[in-house]
Amino acid sequence: VVTWGNTHRGGDCRRVKEELRNVKHIEASHTAFAALRSDGVVVTWGNSFHGGDSRRIQDQLTDVRRIQ
């Protein structure tokens, strides 16, 4: 996954760069992104007020089949 643009709107994925592997689908809000990996894990980045930081619930974001 390659990101660019405004850091506060998802243009910087350095915090989760190592987790963004085997990505099969990406969804976006106005300022945040969610990536679904092939192993069912969801990784988020971007504006934390709009869903870009899911660290507190990361243990619940496994075995996910679809994001939208």
Protein backbone atom coordinates (compact mmCIF):
# COMPACT_ATOMS: atom_id res chain seq x y z
CA VAL A 1 0.00 0.00 0.00
CA VAL A 2 1.31 3.43 -0.96
CA THR A 3 -0.14 6.58 0.58
CA TRP A 4 0.39 10.26 -0.14
CA GLY A 5 -1.20 13.59 0.63
CA ASN A 6 -2.26 15.33 3.81
CA THR A 7 -0.88 13.55 6.88
CA HIS A 8 -4.03 14.27 8.89
CA ARG A 9 -6.26 12.78 6.20
CA GLY A 10 -4.64 9.41 5.69
CA GLY A 11 -1.68 10.46 3.57
CA ASP A 12 0.77 8.94 6.04
CA CYS A 13 0.54 5.24 6.89
CA ARG A 14 3.96 4.90 8.59
CA ARG A 15 2.35 3.88 11.91
CA VAL A 16 0.85 0.77 10.28
CA LYS A 17 3.17 0.28 7.31
CA GLU A 18 4.45 -3.11 8.50
CA GLU A 19 0.85 -4.33 8.96
CA LEU A 20 -0.20 -3.40 5.42
CA ARG A 21 0.69 -6.65 3.72
CA ASN A 22 -1.48 -9.00 1.67
CA VAL A 23 -4.20 -6.33 1.47
CA LYS A 24 -7.20 -7.42 -0.57
CA HIS A 25 -9.56 -4.45 -0.08
CA ILE A 26 -9.42 -0.83 1.10
CA GLU A 27 -12.28 1.44 2.17
CA ALA A 28 -12.07 5.14 2.94
CA SER A 29 -13.97 7.76 4.87
CA HIS A 30 -13.36 11.46 4.43
CA THR A 31 -10.08 11.34 6.37
CA ALA A 32 -9.39 7.70 7.33
CA PHE A 33 -8.76 4.35 5.68
CA ALA A 34 -9.36 0.69 6.51
CA ALA A 35 -7.56 -2.16 4.80
CA LEU A 36 -8.75 -5.75 4.90
CA ARG A 37 -5.93 -8.23 4.70
CA SER A 38 -6.28 -11.71 3.24
CA ASP A 39 -5.95 -13.17 6.77
CA GLY A 40 -9.09 -11.31 7.91
CA VAL A 41 -7.33 -8.60 9.93
CA VAL A 42 -8.42 -4.98 9.47
CA VAL A 43 -5.78 -2.24 9.65
CA THR A 44 -6.74 1.44 9.93
CA TRP A 45 -4.90 4.73 9.55
CA GLY A 46 -5.67 8.40 9.11
CA ASN A 47 -7.63 10.83 11.26
CA SER A 48 -8.36 9.17 14.60
CA PHE A 49 -11.60 11.14 15.00
CA HIS A 50 -12.95 9.51 11.83
CA GLY A 51 -11.89 5.90 12.34
CA GLY A 52 -8.20 6.08 11.55
CA ASP A 53 -7.02 4.63 14.86
CA SER A 54 -8.50 1.29 15.88
CA ARG A 55 -5.78 0.20 18.31
CA ARG A 56 -8.21 0.03 21.26
CA ILE A 57 -10.41 -2.51 19.47
CA GLN A 58 -7.79 -4.23 17.30
CA ASP A 59 -8.43 -7.58 19.00
CA GLN A 60 -11.99 -7.43 17.62
CA LEU A 61 -10.86 -6.78 14.04
CA THR A 62 -9.88 -10.34 13.17
CA ASP A 63 -11.64 -12.93 11.04
CA VAL A 64 -13.36 -10.11 9.14
CA ARG A 65 -14.78 -11.15 5.79
CA ARG A 66 -15.90 -7.82 4.37
CA ILE A 67 -15.59 -4.09 5.00
CA GLN A 68 -17.73 -1.41 3.40
